[in-house]
Amino acid sequence: MPGFSGDLSQPSDVVVKPLRSAFDTRAADAATPCMNDPDAWFPDRFDDHGSDESSEADAPQVQRIETQRVQREIRRAASLCGSCFFKVNCAINALEAGDEYGIHAGVLVEPTPARLRKSRARLAEVIATEVIDSGRAPHRLAVLVEDRPDMEALIAEAGSRVRAEREKARPATRARKSA
């Protein structure tokens, strides 16, 4: 076999390359944005960063400034997820683990029931978009759906929403091209 030395103690490209194409092992080879600054993906939205010396009259302004700072940090972290190779797996991880806090796959997950439902729906849309665009489902998704039938319905609904949004956008795009 070309490229294989017969020495099983050292992996060869003949063995490793097919495995890399079959499994997403890039996490071991490349850093995701969240690996550089993990705290940025778990913003402390309720931390009191105000000074003890500020007067009560300044409190609303200090709170507004702090809220804007946190919102900028959340947008920055979420935007870095957009081009991350691990985005779909991150969404699967968050749904599988039932995460209730943090930024996962570019989606801010918050612990209140209504926001949590919306966040999980958005995570499912990340997964559904990948399945629709690539025409294949990641193996981990198949395992998740097999273990948790509720996830199959969540992702199927997300797929319907993604398709409907794309259909709605098509006529507008066609009208612009013909004008």
Foldseek 3Di string as FASTA:
>chain_A
DPQDPVDPVDDTCVPPVVVVVQDVPCVVVDPQPCVVPVVLQFDPLPDDPDDPPDDPVCVVVVNVVSNVVNVVSLQVVLVSLQPTPCLLVQLLVCVLVVDQAGATSSFGHHNDPVSNLVSNLVSLLVQLVCCVVVVHHDPSVVVSCVVPVVSVVSNVVSNVVVVVVVVVVVVVVVVVVVD
